[in-house]
Amino acid sequence: MERDDLPEVIRHYLTAHNAGDTSASAALMTPDARVTDDGKTYDGLPAIERWLNRAASEYTYTTTCLGAAQDGPDRWTVTQRLDGNFPGNTIDLRYDFTLDGGLISRLVIAP
């Protein structure tokens, strides 16, 4: 599956997140959303907004979409390669999205 075949909310999230647009990224989440990244979990929009702000300012990187798949009626996985100024310089990450009512309710980011 290509990135363009993903649900609109996921495409918009990836674009906003990759651009460091924390407000646009957070607006695509449910109020009780949960994000897990780097082994840490962030519950609710206030915690997610803090995570987004930290992630946007900590490193500079570019992304390449390596693939995407639908895992269930409301579940999607996107694999992206990040190249940047973080330890290791390159990593492939899996973004596991769960949607609820057209918004992201759960996001797990892991290698």
N, C-alpha and C. Protein backbone atom coordinates (compact mmCIF):
# COMPACT_ATOMS: atom_id res chain seq x y z
N MET A 1 0.84 -1.17 0.00
CA MET A 1 0.00 0.00 0.00
C MET A 1 0.89 1.25 0.00
N GLU A 2 0.48 2.25 -0.72
CA GLU A 2 1.23 3.50 -0.80
C GLU A 2 0.73 4.48 0.27
N ARG A 3 1.55 5.45 0.60
CA ARG A 3 1.19 6.46 1.58
C ARG A 3 -0.09 7.18 1.19
N ASP A 4 -0.27 7.44 -0.11
CA ASP A 4 -1.46 8.15 -0.58
C ASP A 4 -2.75 7.35 -0.37
N ASP A 5 -2.64 6.04 -0.13
CA ASP A 5 -3.82 5.20 0.09
C ASP A 5 -4.25 5.16 1.56
N LEU A 6 -3.46 5.78 2.43
CA LEU A 6 -3.79 5.81 3.86
C LEU A 6 -4.99 6.73 4.11
N PRO A 7 -5.68 6.54 5.23
CA PRO A 7 -6.74 7.48 5.59
C PRO A 7 -6.19 8.90 5.69
N GLU A 8 -7.01 9.85 5.36
CA GLU A 8 -6.61 11.26 5.34
C GLU A 8 -6.01 11.71 6.67
N VAL A 9 -6.60 11.30 7.79
CA VAL A 9 -6.11 11.75 9.09
C VAL A 9 -4.67 11.28 9.32
N ILE A 10 -4.32 10.09 8.88
CA ILE A 10 -2.95 9.60 9.04
C ILE A 10 -2.00 10.37 8.14
N ARG A 11 -2.40 10.59 6.90
CA ARG A 11 -1.55 11.37 5.97
C ARG A 11 -1.29 12.77 6.53
N HIS A 12 -2.36 13.40 7.05
CA HIS A 12 -2.20 14.75 7.61
C HIS A 12 -1.31 14.73 8.84
N TYR A 13 -1.47 13.70 9.69
CA TYR A 13 -0.63 13.60 10.88
C TYR A 13 0.84 13.47 10.49
N LEU A 14 1.14 12.56 9.57
CA LEU A 14 2.53 12.35 9.17
C LEU A 14 3.14 13.62 8.58
N THR A 15 2.38 14.31 7.76
CA THR A 15 2.87 15.57 7.17
C THR A 15 3.13 16.60 8.26
N ALA A 16 2.18 16.78 9.16
CA ALA A 16 2.33 17.78 10.24
C ALA A 16 3.46 17.40 11.19
N HIS A 17 3.52 16.13 11.58
CA HIS A 17 4.56 15.68 12.51
C HIS A 17 5.95 15.83 11.90
N ASN A 18 6.09 15.43 10.64
CA ASN A 18 7.38 15.53 9.98
C ASN A 18 7.81 16.98 9.80
N ALA A 19 6.84 17.90 9.71
CA ALA A 19 7.14 19.33 9.57
C ALA A 19 7.35 20.00 10.93
N GLY A 20 7.12 19.26 12.02
CA GLY A 20 7.26 19.85 13.36
C GLY A 20 6.09 20.73 13.75
N ASP A 21 4.94 20.56 13.09
CA ASP A 21 3.75 21.35 13.39
C ASP A 21 2.97 20.66 14.50
N THR A 22 3.31 20.98 15.73
CA THR A 22 2.73 20.29 16.88
C THR A 22 1.24 20.56 17.04
N SER A 23 0.79 21.77 16.74
CA SER A 23 -0.63 22.09 16.87
C SER A 23 -1.46 21.28 15.90
N ALA A 24 -1.01 21.21 14.65
CA ALA A 24 -1.75 20.43 13.65
C ALA A 24 -1.72 18.95 13.99
N SER A 25 -0.61 18.45 14.48
CA SER A 25 -0.50 17.04 14.87
C SER A 25 -1.48 16.71 15.99
N ALA A 26 -1.50 17.54 17.02
CA ALA A 26 -2.36 17.30 18.18
C ALA A 26 -3.84 17.41 17.81
N ALA A 27 -4.17 18.26 16.86
CA ALA A 27 -5.57 18.45 16.46
C ALA A 27 -6.15 17.20 15.79
N LEU A 28 -5.30 16.27 15.40
CA LEU A 28 -5.75 15.06 14.72
C LEU A 28 -5.94 13.89 15.68
N MET A 29 -5.81 14.17 16.99
CA MET A 29 -5.92 13.14 18.02
C MET A 29 -7.21 13.30 18.81
N THR A 30 -7.72 12.19 19.32
CA THR A 30 -8.88 12.25 20.22
C THR A 30 -8.43 12.86 21.55
N PRO A 31 -9.35 13.44 22.33
CA PRO A 31 -8.96 14.04 23.61
C PRO A 31 -8.30 13.05 24.57
N ASP A 32 -8.68 11.77 24.49
CA ASP A 32 -8.11 10.77 25.39
C ASP A 32 -7.08 9.88 24.69
N ALA A 33 -6.47 10.39 23.64
CA ALA A 33 -5.49 9.61 22.86
C ALA A 33 -4.33 9.17 23.74
N ARG A 34 -3.65 8.13 23.25
CA ARG A 34 -2.46 7.61 23.94
C ARG A 34 -1.38 7.40 22.88
N VAL A 35 -0.17 7.90 23.18
CA VAL A 35 0.98 7.73 22.30
C VAL A 35 2.08 7.03 23.08
N THR A 36 2.68 6.02 22.46
CA THR A 36 3.85 5.35 23.03
C THR A 36 5.00 5.54 22.05
N ASP A 37 6.09 6.10 22.56
CA ASP A 37 7.28 6.36 21.74
C ASP A 37 8.51 6.16 22.61
N ASP A 38 9.47 5.45 22.09
CA ASP A 38 10.74 5.24 22.79
C ASP A 38 10.51 4.64 24.19
N GLY A 39 9.51 3.76 24.29
CA GLY A 39 9.23 3.06 25.54
C GLY A 39 8.46 3.87 26.56
N LYS A 40 8.07 5.10 26.24
CA LYS A 40 7.31 5.95 27.17
C LYS A 40 5.92 6.18 26.60
N THR A 41 4.93 6.22 27.50
CA THR A 41 3.54 6.41 27.10
C THR A 41 3.05 7.77 27.57
N TYR A 42 2.31 8.43 26.67
CA TYR A 42 1.77 9.77 26.92
C TYR A 42 0.25 9.67 26.76
N ASP A 43 -0.49 9.93 27.86
CA ASP A 43 -1.94 9.81 27.88
C ASP A 43 -2.59 11.19 27.87
N GLY A 44 -3.52 11.39 26.93
CA GLY A 44 -4.28 12.63 26.84
C GLY A 44 -3.54 13.72 26.09
N LEU A 45 -4.31 14.68 25.58
CA LEU A 45 -3.72 15.72 24.73
C LEU A 45 -2.66 16.57 25.41
N PRO A 46 -2.79 16.98 26.67
CA PRO A 46 -1.73 17.79 27.27
C PRO A 46 -0.37 17.07 27.26
N ALA A 47 -0.36 15.80 27.64
CA ALA A 47 0.90 15.03 27.65
C ALA A 47 1.41 14.82 26.23
N ILE A 48 0.51 14.56 25.30
CA ILE A 48 0.91 14.35 23.90
C ILE A 48 1.47 15.64 23.31
N GLU A 49 0.88 16.78 23.63
CA GLU A 49 1.40 18.06 23.13
C GLU A 49 2.81 18.32 23.66
N ARG A 50 3.06 17.99 24.93
CA ARG A 50 4.42 18.15 25.47
C ARG A 50 5.40 17.24 24.73
N TRP A 51 4.99 15.98 24.47
CA TRP A 51 5.83 15.05 23.72
C TRP A 51 6.09 15.59 22.31
N LEU A 52 5.07 16.06 21.64
CA LEU A 52 5.23 16.60 20.29
C LEU A 52 6.19 17.79 20.28
N ASN A 53 6.05 18.69 21.25
CA ASN A 53 6.94 19.85 21.31
C ASN A 53 8.39 19.44 21.55
N ARG A 54 8.59 18.47 22.42
CA ARG A 54 9.95 17.98 22.68
C ARG A 54 10.51 17.32 21.43
N ALA A 55 9.72 16.47 20.79
CA ALA A 55 10.18 15.75 19.60
C ALA A 55 10.52 16.71 18.47
N ALA A 56 9.75 17.79 18.34
CA ALA A 56 9.97 18.75 17.26
C ALA A 56 11.23 19.56 17.46
N SER A 57 11.64 19.75 18.71
CA SER A 57 12.79 20.62 18.98
C SER A 57 14.08 19.84 19.26
N GLU A 58 13.98 18.55 19.53
CA GLU A 58 15.15 17.79 19.96
C GLU A 58 16.10 17.43 18.80
N TYR A 59 15.55 17.00 17.68
CA TYR A 59 16.38 16.55 16.56
C TYR A 59 15.86 17.12 15.24
N THR A 60 16.75 17.16 14.26
CA THR A 60 16.38 17.50 12.89
C THR A 60 16.53 16.24 12.06
N TYR A 61 15.50 15.93 11.25
CA TYR A 61 15.55 14.71 10.46
C TYR A 61 14.64 14.83 9.24
N THR A 62 14.89 13.95 8.28
CA THR A 62 14.01 13.80 7.13
C THR A 62 13.43 12.39 7.18
N THR A 63 12.28 12.21 6.54
CA THR A 63 11.63 10.91 6.55
C THR A 63 11.38 10.42 5.13
N THR A 64 11.39 9.11 5.01
CA THR A 64 11.03 8.45 3.76
C THR A 64 10.04 7.35 4.12
N CYS A 65 8.89 7.36 3.50
CA CYS A 65 7.90 6.31 3.74
C CYS A 65 8.35 5.04 3.03
N LEU A 66 8.51 3.97 3.79
CA LEU A 66 8.95 2.69 3.23
C LEU A 66 7.79 1.77 2.90
N GLY A 67 6.63 2.02 3.51
CA GLY A 67 5.47 1.18 3.24
C GLY A 67 4.36 1.41 4.23
N ALA A 68 3.20 0.87 3.91
CA ALA A 68 2.03 1.02 4.77
C ALA A 68 1.13 -0.19 4.58
N ALA A 69 0.35 -0.49 5.62
CA ALA A 69 -0.58 -1.63 5.55
C ALA A 69 -1.77 -1.36 6.46
N GLN A 70 -2.91 -1.89 6.06
CA GLN A 70 -4.08 -1.86 6.93
C GLN A 70 -4.09 -3.15 7.72
N ASP A 71 -4.16 -3.02 9.05
CA ASP A 71 -4.09 -4.17 9.95
C ASP A 71 -5.46 -4.58 10.49
N GLY A 72 -6.48 -3.79 10.24
CA GLY A 72 -7.83 -4.06 10.72
C GLY A 72 -8.70 -2.91 10.27
N PRO A 73 -9.98 -2.93 10.64
CA PRO A 73 -10.89 -1.89 10.17
C PRO A 73 -10.45 -0.48 10.56
N ASP A 74 -9.85 -0.33 11.73
CA ASP A 74 -9.42 0.99 12.22
C ASP A 74 -7.95 1.02 12.59
N ARG A 75 -7.16 0.10 12.06
CA ARG A 75 -5.74 0.01 12.42
C ARG A 75 -4.88 0.01 11.16
N TRP A 76 -3.79 0.80 11.23
CA TRP A 76 -2.89 0.97 10.10
C TRP A 76 -1.46 1.02 10.62
N THR A 77 -0.53 0.50 9.83
CA THR A 77 0.88 0.58 10.16
C THR A 77 1.61 1.27 9.01
N VAL A 78 2.44 2.24 9.38
CA VAL A 78 3.28 2.95 8.41
C VAL A 78 4.72 2.76 8.85
N THR A 79 5.60 2.39 7.92
CA THR A 79 7.02 2.27 8.22
C THR A 79 7.75 3.42 7.54
N GLN A 80 8.52 4.16 8.33
CA GLN A 80 9.27 5.29 7.81
C GLN A 80 10.74 5.16 8.18
N ARG A 81 11.60 5.62 7.29
CA ARG A 81 13.03 5.72 7.58
C ARG A 81 13.31 7.17 7.95
N LEU A 82 13.94 7.36 9.12
CA LEU A 82 14.35 8.69 9.56
C LEU A 82 15.86 8.80 9.43
N ASP A 83 16.30 9.88 8.80
CA ASP A 83 17.72 10.21 8.67
C ASP A 83 17.92 11.57 9.31
N GLY A 84 18.83 11.65 10.31
CA GLY A 84 19.00 12.94 10.98
C GLY A 84 20.16 12.99 11.93
N ASN A 85 20.08 13.97 12.83
CA ASN A 85 21.18 14.24 13.76
C ASN A 85 20.94 13.62 15.13
N PHE A 86 20.35 12.45 15.16
CA PHE A 86 20.12 11.73 16.41
C PHE A 86 21.11 10.56 16.48
N PRO A 87 21.28 9.93 17.64
CA PRO A 87 22.22 8.81 17.75
C PRO A 87 21.91 7.73 16.71
N GLY A 88 22.91 7.33 15.95
CA GLY A 88 22.74 6.34 14.91
C GLY A 88 22.45 6.92 13.54
N ASN A 89 21.98 8.15 13.50
CA ASN A 89 21.71 8.91 12.27
C ASN A 89 20.61 8.36 11.38
N THR A 90 20.34 7.07 11.37
CA THR A 90 19.29 6.48 10.54
C THR A 90 18.58 5.40 11.33
N ILE A 91 17.24 5.39 11.23
CA ILE A 91 16.45 4.35 11.88
C ILE A 91 15.16 4.15 11.09
N ASP A 92 14.71 2.91 11.03
CA ASP A 92 13.40 2.60 10.47
C ASP A 92 12.44 2.44 11.63
N LEU A 93 11.34 3.19 11.58
CA LEU A 93 10.35 3.15 12.65
C LEU A 93 9.00 2.72 12.10
N ARG A 94 8.29 1.96 12.92
CA ARG A 94 6.93 1.53 12.61
C ARG A 94 5.97 2.41 13.42
N TYR A 95 5.02 3.00 12.74
CA TYR A 95 3.99 3.82 13.37
C TYR A 95 2.69 3.03 13.29
N ASP A 96 2.21 2.55 14.44
CA ASP A 96 0.97 1.78 14.49
C ASP A 96 -0.16 2.70 14.96
N PHE A 97 -1.09 2.98 14.06
CA PHE A 97 -2.19 3.91 14.32
C PHE A 97 -3.47 3.13 14.58
N THR A 98 -4.26 3.62 15.55
CA THR A 98 -5.63 3.17 15.76
C THR A 98 -6.50 4.41 15.63
N LEU A 99 -7.55 4.31 14.81
CA LEU A 99 -8.43 5.44 14.58
C LEU A 99 -9.75 5.24 15.31
N ASP A 100 -10.37 6.37 15.69
CA ASP A 100 -11.67 6.36 16.34
C ASP A 100 -12.41 7.62 15.90
N GLY A 101 -13.50 7.43 15.19
CA GLY A 101 -14.29 8.57 14.76
C GLY A 101 -13.53 9.53 13.85
N GLY A 102 -12.64 9.03 13.05
CA GLY A 102 -11.89 9.87 12.12
C GLY A 102 -10.69 10.57 12.72
N LEU A 103 -10.37 10.26 13.98
CA LEU A 103 -9.19 10.82 14.64
C LEU A 103 -8.30 9.69 15.14
N ILE A 104 -7.09 10.03 15.51
CA ILE A 104 -6.13 9.06 16.03
C ILE A 104 -6.35 8.90 17.53
N SER A 105 -6.65 7.66 17.95
CA SER A 105 -6.85 7.42 19.38
C SER A 105 -5.65 6.74 20.02
N ARG A 106 -4.83 6.10 19.20
CA ARG A 106 -3.66 5.38 19.73
C ARG A 106 -2.58 5.40 18.66
N LEU A 107 -1.35 5.68 19.09
CA LEU A 107 -0.19 5.66 18.21
C LEU A 107 0.97 5.03 18.96
N VAL A 108 1.53 3.98 18.39
CA VAL A 108 2.71 3.34 18.96
C VAL A 108 3.82 3.45 17.92
N ILE A 109 4.95 4.03 18.34
CA ILE A 109 6.10 4.20 17.47
C ILE A 109 7.23 3.34 18.01
N ALA A 110 7.73 2.44 17.16
CA ALA A 110 8.77 1.51 17.61
C ALA A 110 9.61 1.08 16.41
N PRO A 111 10.86 0.67 16.68
CA PRO A 111 11.70 0.14 15.59
C PRO A 111 11.12 -1.15 15.02
